[in-house]
Amino acid sequence: MSGNDYVKFMTQEIVRYMDTPQEERLKQKADKKGNSNEISGHWFGLLPFAFRLLIKKSSRP
């Protein structure tokens, strides 16, 4: 993505955000927080990292 494309995309996103009423933005944010399926994805990324740290720590003298 070139610089002009990125600036164009960001400008479109900012304008879309500003055109959306505040009540609708708050509702979307609450809906996003209420989605419990995202929690499993978050922990899936953290567990392998924790196991890797544990292995590194146990292999040190």
PDB file of N, CA and C in Angstrom:
ATOM      1  N   MET A   1       0.855  -1.166   0.000  1.00  0.00           N
ATOM      2  CA  MET A   1       0.000   0.000   0.000  1.00  0.00           C
ATOM      3  C   MET A   1       0.904   1.233   0.000  1.00  0.00           C
ATOM      4  N   SER A   2       0.695   2.083  -0.955  1.00  0.00           N
ATOM      5  CA  SER A   2       1.531   3.275  -1.039  1.00  0.00           C
ATOM      6  C   SER A   2       1.081   4.322  -0.015  1.00  0.00           C
ATOM      7  N   GLY A   3       1.859   5.342   0.119  1.00  0.00           N
ATOM      8  CA  GLY A   3       1.560   6.391   1.090  1.00  0.00           C
ATOM      9  C   GLY A   3       0.253   7.101   0.808  1.00  0.00           C
ATOM     10  N   ASN A   4      -0.013   7.398  -0.472  1.00  0.00           N
ATOM     11  CA  ASN A   4      -1.262   8.080  -0.829  1.00  0.00           C
ATOM     12  C   ASN A   4      -2.471   7.205  -0.519  1.00  0.00           C
ATOM     13  N   ASP A   5      -2.363   5.911  -0.799  1.00  0.00           N
ATOM     14  CA  ASP A   5      -3.471   4.999  -0.504  1.00  0.00           C
ATOM     15  C   ASP A   5      -3.752   4.951   0.987  1.00  0.00           C
ATOM     16  N   TYR A   6      -2.699   4.938   1.763  1.00  0.00           N
ATOM     17  CA  TYR A   6      -2.852   4.875   3.217  1.00  0.00           C
ATOM     18  C   TYR A   6      -3.517   6.152   3.747  1.00  0.00           C
ATOM     19  N   VAL A   7      -3.081   7.294   3.255  1.00  0.00           N
ATOM     20  CA  VAL A   7      -3.667   8.563   3.686  1.00  0.00           C
ATOM     21  C   VAL A   7      -5.134   8.621   3.280  1.00  0.00           C
ATOM     22  N   LYS A   8      -5.445   8.169   2.077  1.00  0.00           N
ATOM     23  CA  LYS A   8      -6.830   8.157   1.608  1.00  0.00           C
ATOM     24  C   LYS A   8      -7.681   7.252   2.485  1.00  0.00           C
ATOM     25  N   PHE A   9      -7.182   6.061   2.802  1.00  0.00           N
ATOM     26  CA  PHE A   9      -7.915   5.126   3.649  1.00  0.00           C
ATOM     27  C   PHE A   9      -8.157   5.710   5.036  1.00  0.00           C
ATOM     28  N   MET A  10      -7.123   6.272   5.645  1.00  0.00           N
ATOM     29  CA  MET A  10      -7.262   6.844   6.988  1.00  0.00           C
ATOM     30  C   MET A  10      -8.241   8.021   6.979  1.00  0.00           C
ATOM     31  N   THR A  11      -8.207   8.833   5.938  1.00  0.00           N
ATOM     32  CA  THR A  11      -9.135   9.958   5.841  1.00  0.00           C
ATOM     33  C   THR A  11     -10.571   9.459   5.753  1.00  0.00           C
ATOM     34  N   GLN A  12     -10.793   8.423   4.955  1.00  0.00           N
ATOM     35  CA  GLN A  12     -12.137   7.853   4.833  1.00  0.00           C
ATOM     36  C   GLN A  12     -12.622   7.294   6.161  1.00  0.00           C
ATOM     37  N   GLU A  13     -11.745   6.622   6.883  1.00  0.00           N
ATOM     38  CA  GLU A  13     -12.121   6.040   8.173  1.00  0.00           C
ATOM     39  C   GLU A  13     -12.447   7.133   9.197  1.00  0.00           C
ATOM     40  N   ILE A  14     -11.663   8.183   9.222  1.00  0.00           N
ATOM     41  CA  ILE A  14     -11.900   9.279  10.167  1.00  0.00           C
ATOM     42  C   ILE A  14     -13.218   9.969   9.859  1.00  0.00           C
ATOM     43  N   VAL A  15     -13.492  10.212   8.572  1.00  0.00           N
ATOM     44  CA  VAL A  15     -14.745  10.859   8.189  1.00  0.00           C
ATOM     45  C   VAL A  15     -15.924   9.966   8.531  1.00  0.00           C
ATOM     46  N   ARG A  16     -15.798   8.662   8.282  1.00  0.00           N
ATOM     47  CA  ARG A  16     -16.876   7.724   8.612  1.00  0.00           C
ATOM     48  C   ARG A  16     -17.122   7.704  10.117  1.00  0.00           C
ATOM     49  N   TYR A  17     -16.061   7.743  10.901  1.00  0.00           N
ATOM     50  CA  TYR A  17     -16.182   7.767  12.355  1.00  0.00           C
ATOM     51  C   TYR A  17     -16.880   9.040  12.825  1.00  0.00           C
ATOM     52  N   MET A  18     -16.484  10.169  12.255  1.00  0.00           N
ATOM     53  CA  MET A  18     -17.064  11.447  12.675  1.00  0.00           C
ATOM     54  C   MET A  18     -18.527  11.581  12.245  1.00  0.00           C
ATOM     55  N   ASP A  19     -18.905  10.942  11.153  1.00  0.00           N
ATOM     56  CA  ASP A  19     -20.287  11.006  10.677  1.00  0.00           C
ATOM     57  C   ASP A  19     -21.217  10.089  11.463  1.00  0.00           C
ATOM     58  N   THR A  20     -20.665   9.125  12.167  1.00  0.00           N
ATOM     59  CA  THR A  20     -21.481   8.201  12.946  1.00  0.00           C
ATOM     60  C   THR A  20     -21.903   8.885  14.245  1.00  0.00           C
ATOM     61  N   PRO A  21     -23.191   8.831  14.589  1.00  0.00           N
ATOM     62  CA  PRO A  21     -23.637   9.450  15.848  1.00  0.00           C
ATOM     63  C   PRO A  21     -22.987   8.782  17.066  1.00  0.00           C
ATOM     64  N   GLN A  22     -22.809   9.547  18.111  1.00  0.00           N
ATOM     65  CA  GLN A  22     -22.125   9.053  19.302  1.00  0.00           C
ATOM     66  C   GLN A  22     -22.863   7.878  19.926  1.00  0.00           C
ATOM     67  N   GLU A  23     -24.187   7.912  19.933  1.00  0.00           N
ATOM     68  CA  GLU A  23     -24.961   6.821  20.530  1.00  0.00           C
ATOM     69  C   GLU A  23     -24.698   5.510  19.798  1.00  0.00           C
ATOM     70  N   GLU A  24     -24.612   5.587  18.469  1.00  0.00           N
ATOM     71  CA  GLU A  24     -24.362   4.377  17.686  1.00  0.00           C
ATOM     72  C   GLU A  24     -22.945   3.855  17.939  1.00  0.00           C
ATOM     73  N   ARG A  25     -21.975   4.763  18.063  1.00  0.00           N
ATOM     74  CA  ARG A  25     -20.601   4.336  18.357  1.00  0.00           C
ATOM     75  C   ARG A  25     -20.532   3.646  19.708  1.00  0.00           C
ATOM     76  N   LEU A  26     -21.221   4.206  20.704  1.00  0.00           N
ATOM     77  CA  LEU A  26     -21.218   3.598  22.035  1.00  0.00           C
ATOM     78  C   LEU A  26     -21.893   2.226  22.010  1.00  0.00           C
ATOM     79  N   LYS A  27     -22.963   2.109  21.228  1.00  0.00           N
ATOM     80  CA  LYS A  27     -23.648   0.828  21.111  1.00  0.00           C
ATOM     81  C   LYS A  27     -22.740  -0.212  20.453  1.00  0.00           C
ATOM     82  N   GLN A  28     -22.035   0.175  19.400  1.00  0.00           N
ATOM     83  CA  GLN A  28     -21.117  -0.733  18.728  1.00  0.00           C
ATOM     84  C   GLN A  28     -19.993  -1.168  19.667  1.00  0.00           C
ATOM     85  N   LYS A  29     -19.504  -0.240  20.464  1.00  0.00           N
ATOM     86  CA  LYS A  29     -18.435  -0.555  21.404  1.00  0.00           C
ATOM     87  C   LYS A  29     -18.910  -1.546  22.465  1.00  0.00           C
ATOM     88  N   ALA A  30     -20.145  -1.341  22.961  1.00  0.00           N
ATOM     89  CA  ALA A  30     -20.702  -2.254  23.959  1.00  0.00           C
ATOM     90  C   ALA A  30     -20.941  -3.636  23.357  1.00  0.00           C
ATOM     91  N   ASP A  31     -21.396  -3.691  22.119  1.00  0.00           N
ATOM     92  CA  ASP A  31     -21.598  -4.972  21.449  1.00  0.00           C
ATOM     93  C   ASP A  31     -20.268  -5.700  21.269  1.00  0.00           C
ATOM     94  N   LYS A  32     -19.243  -4.965  20.945  1.00  0.00           N
ATOM     95  CA  LYS A  32     -17.929  -5.554  20.737  1.00  0.00           C
ATOM     96  C   LYS A  32     -17.366  -6.120  22.046  1.00  0.00           C
ATOM     97  N   LYS A  33     -17.568  -5.394  23.138  1.00  0.00           N
ATOM     98  CA  LYS A  33     -17.098  -5.862  24.440  1.00  0.00           C
ATOM     99  C   LYS A  33     -17.868  -7.083  24.913  1.00  0.00           C
ATOM    100  N   GLY A  34     -19.136  -7.167  24.556  1.00  0.00           N
ATOM    101  CA  GLY A  34     -19.985  -8.261  24.995  1.00  0.00           C
ATOM    102  C   GLY A  34     -19.709  -9.573  24.289  1.00  0.00           C
ATOM    103  N   ASN A  35     -18.947  -9.547  23.219  1.00  0.00           N
ATOM    104  CA  ASN A  35     -18.659 -10.754  22.460  1.00  0.00           C
ATOM    105  C   ASN A  35     -17.615 -11.587  23.212  1.00  0.00           C
ATOM    106  N   SER A  36     -18.038 -12.718  23.770  1.00  0.00           N
ATOM    107  CA  SER A  36     -17.139 -13.531  24.590  1.00  0.00           C
ATOM    108  C   SER A  36     -16.258 -14.451  23.762  1.00  0.00           C
ATOM    109  N   ASN A  37     -16.491 -14.588  22.468  1.00  0.00           N
ATOM    110  CA  ASN A  37     -15.674 -15.455  21.626  1.00  0.00           C
ATOM    111  C   ASN A  37     -14.265 -14.901  21.433  1.00  0.00           C
ATOM    112  N   GLU A  38     -14.091 -13.618  21.590  1.00  0.00           N
ATOM    113  CA  GLU A  38     -12.782 -13.012  21.399  1.00  0.00           C
ATOM    114  C   GLU A  38     -11.824 -13.368  22.532  1.00  0.00           C
ATOM    115  N   ILE A  39     -12.344 -13.710  23.683  1.00  0.00           N
ATOM    116  CA  ILE A  39     -11.499 -14.025  24.833  1.00  0.00           C
ATOM    117  C   ILE A  39     -10.663 -15.274  24.556  1.00  0.00           C
ATOM    118  N   SER A  40     -11.255 -16.279  23.946  1.00  0.00           N
ATOM    119  CA  SER A  40     -10.508 -17.506  23.673  1.00  0.00           C
ATOM    120  C   SER A  40      -9.356 -17.244  22.714  1.00  0.00           C
ATOM    121  N   GLY A  41      -9.563 -16.371  21.743  1.00  0.00           N
ATOM    122  CA  GLY A  41      -8.489 -16.026  20.818  1.00  0.00           C
ATOM    123  C   GLY A  41      -7.352 -15.298  21.515  1.00  0.00           C
ATOM    124  N   HIS A  42      -7.694 -14.482  22.462  1.00  0.00           N
ATOM    125  CA  HIS A  42      -6.672 -13.750  23.216  1.00  0.00           C
ATOM    126  C   HIS A  42      -5.816 -14.723  24.020  1.00  0.00           C
ATOM    127  N   TRP A  43      -6.434 -15.640  24.726  1.00  0.00           N
ATOM    128  CA  TRP A  43      -5.691 -16.581  25.555  1.00  0.00           C
ATOM    129  C   TRP A  43      -4.920 -17.586  24.731  1.00  0.00           C
ATOM    130  N   PHE A  44      -5.403 -17.923  23.544  1.00  0.00           N
ATOM    131  CA  PHE A  44      -4.682 -18.865  22.704  1.00  0.00           C
ATOM    132  C   PHE A  44      -3.319 -18.312  22.340  1.00  0.00           C
ATOM    133  N   GLY A  45      -3.217 -17.022  22.147  1.00  0.00           N
ATOM    134  CA  GLY A  45      -1.939 -16.412  21.817  1.00  0.00           C
ATOM    135  C   GLY A  45      -1.025 -16.285  23.020  1.00  0.00           C
ATOM    136  N   LEU A  46      -1.583 -16.206  24.211  1.00  0.00           N
ATOM    137  CA  LEU A  46      -0.776 -16.015  25.411  1.00  0.00           C
ATOM    138  C   LEU A  46      -0.207 -17.334  25.943  1.00  0.00           C
ATOM    139  N   LEU A  47      -0.939 -18.406  25.847  1.00  0.00           N
ATOM    140  CA  LEU A  47      -0.484 -19.682  26.399  1.00  0.00           C
ATOM    141  C   LEU A  47       0.792 -20.208  25.752  1.00  0.00           C
ATOM    142  N   PRO A  48       0.909 -20.246  24.429  1.00  0.00           N
ATOM    143  CA  PRO A  48       2.183 -20.702  23.850  1.00  0.00           C
ATOM    144  C   PRO A  48       3.369 -19.847  24.285  1.00  0.00           C
ATOM    145  N   PHE A  49       3.161 -18.551  24.421  1.00  0.00           N
ATOM    146  CA  PHE A  49       4.226 -17.664  24.879  1.00  0.00           C
ATOM    147  C   PHE A  49       4.642 -18.024  26.303  1.00  0.00           C
ATOM    148  N   ALA A  50       3.676 -18.303  27.162  1.00  0.00           N
ATOM    149  CA  ALA A  50       3.979 -18.660  28.544  1.00  0.00           C
ATOM    150  C   ALA A  50       4.742 -19.982  28.612  1.00  0.00           C
ATOM    151  N   PHE A  51       4.342 -20.954  27.813  1.00  0.00           N
ATOM    152  CA  PHE A  51       5.057 -22.238  27.789  1.00  0.00           C
ATOM    153  C   PHE A  51       6.487 -22.065  27.288  1.00  0.00           C
ATOM    154  N   ARG A  52       6.676 -21.214  26.301  1.00  0.00           N
ATOM    155  CA  ARG A  52       8.017 -20.977  25.780  1.00  0.00           C
ATOM    156  C   ARG A  52       8.900 -20.348  26.854  1.00  0.00           C
ATOM    157  N   LEU A  53       8.366 -19.391  27.602  1.00  0.00           N
ATOM    158  CA  LEU A  53       9.128 -18.781  28.687  1.00  0.00           C
ATOM    159  C   LEU A  53       9.467 -19.803  29.765  1.00  0.00           C
ATOM    160  N   LEU A  54       8.522 -20.668  30.072  1.00  0.00           N
ATOM    161  CA  LEU A  54       8.749 -21.702  31.077  1.00  0.00           C
ATOM    162  C   LEU A  54       9.868 -22.643  30.651  1.00  0.00           C
ATOM    163  N   ILE A  55       9.868 -23.036  29.386  1.00  0.00           N
ATOM    164  CA  ILE A  55      10.903 -23.929  28.877  1.00  0.00           C
ATOM    165  C   ILE A  55      12.259 -23.244  28.895  1.00  0.00           C
ATOM    166  N   LYS A  56      12.311 -21.982  28.468  1.00  0.00           N
ATOM    167  CA  LYS A  56      13.574 -21.251  28.487  1.00  0.00           C
ATOM    168  C   LYS A  56      14.110 -21.115  29.902  1.00  0.00           C
ATOM    169  N   LYS A  57      13.210 -20.832  30.840  1.00  0.00           N
ATOM    170  CA  LYS A  57      13.624 -20.632  32.210  1.00  0.00           C
ATOM    171  C   LYS A  57      14.137 -21.926  32.833  1.00  0.00           C
ATOM    172  N   SER A  58      13.501 -23.057  32.512  1.00  0.00           N
ATOM    173  CA  SER A  58      13.908 -24.333  33.084  1.00  0.00           C
ATOM    174  C   SER A  58      15.188 -24.864  32.442  1.00  0.00           C
ATOM    175  N   SER A  59      15.530 -24.436  31.229  1.00  0.00           N
ATOM    176  CA  SER A  59      16.730 -24.927  30.567  1.00  0.00           C
ATOM    177  C   SER A  59      17.983 -24.153  30.981  1.00  0.00           C
ATOM    178  N   ARG A  60      17.825 -23.024  31.646  1.00  0.00           N
ATOM    179  CA  ARG A  60      18.993 -22.275  32.117  1.00  0.00           C
ATOM    180  C   ARG A  60      19.618 -22.964  33.315  1.00  0.00           C
ATOM    181  N   PRO A  61      20.960 -22.880  33.427  1.00  0.00           N
ATOM    182  CA  PRO A  61      21.645 -23.540  34.566  1.00  0.00           C
ATOM    183  C   PRO A  61      21.471 -22.811  35.868  1.00  0.00           C
TER     184      PRO A  61
END
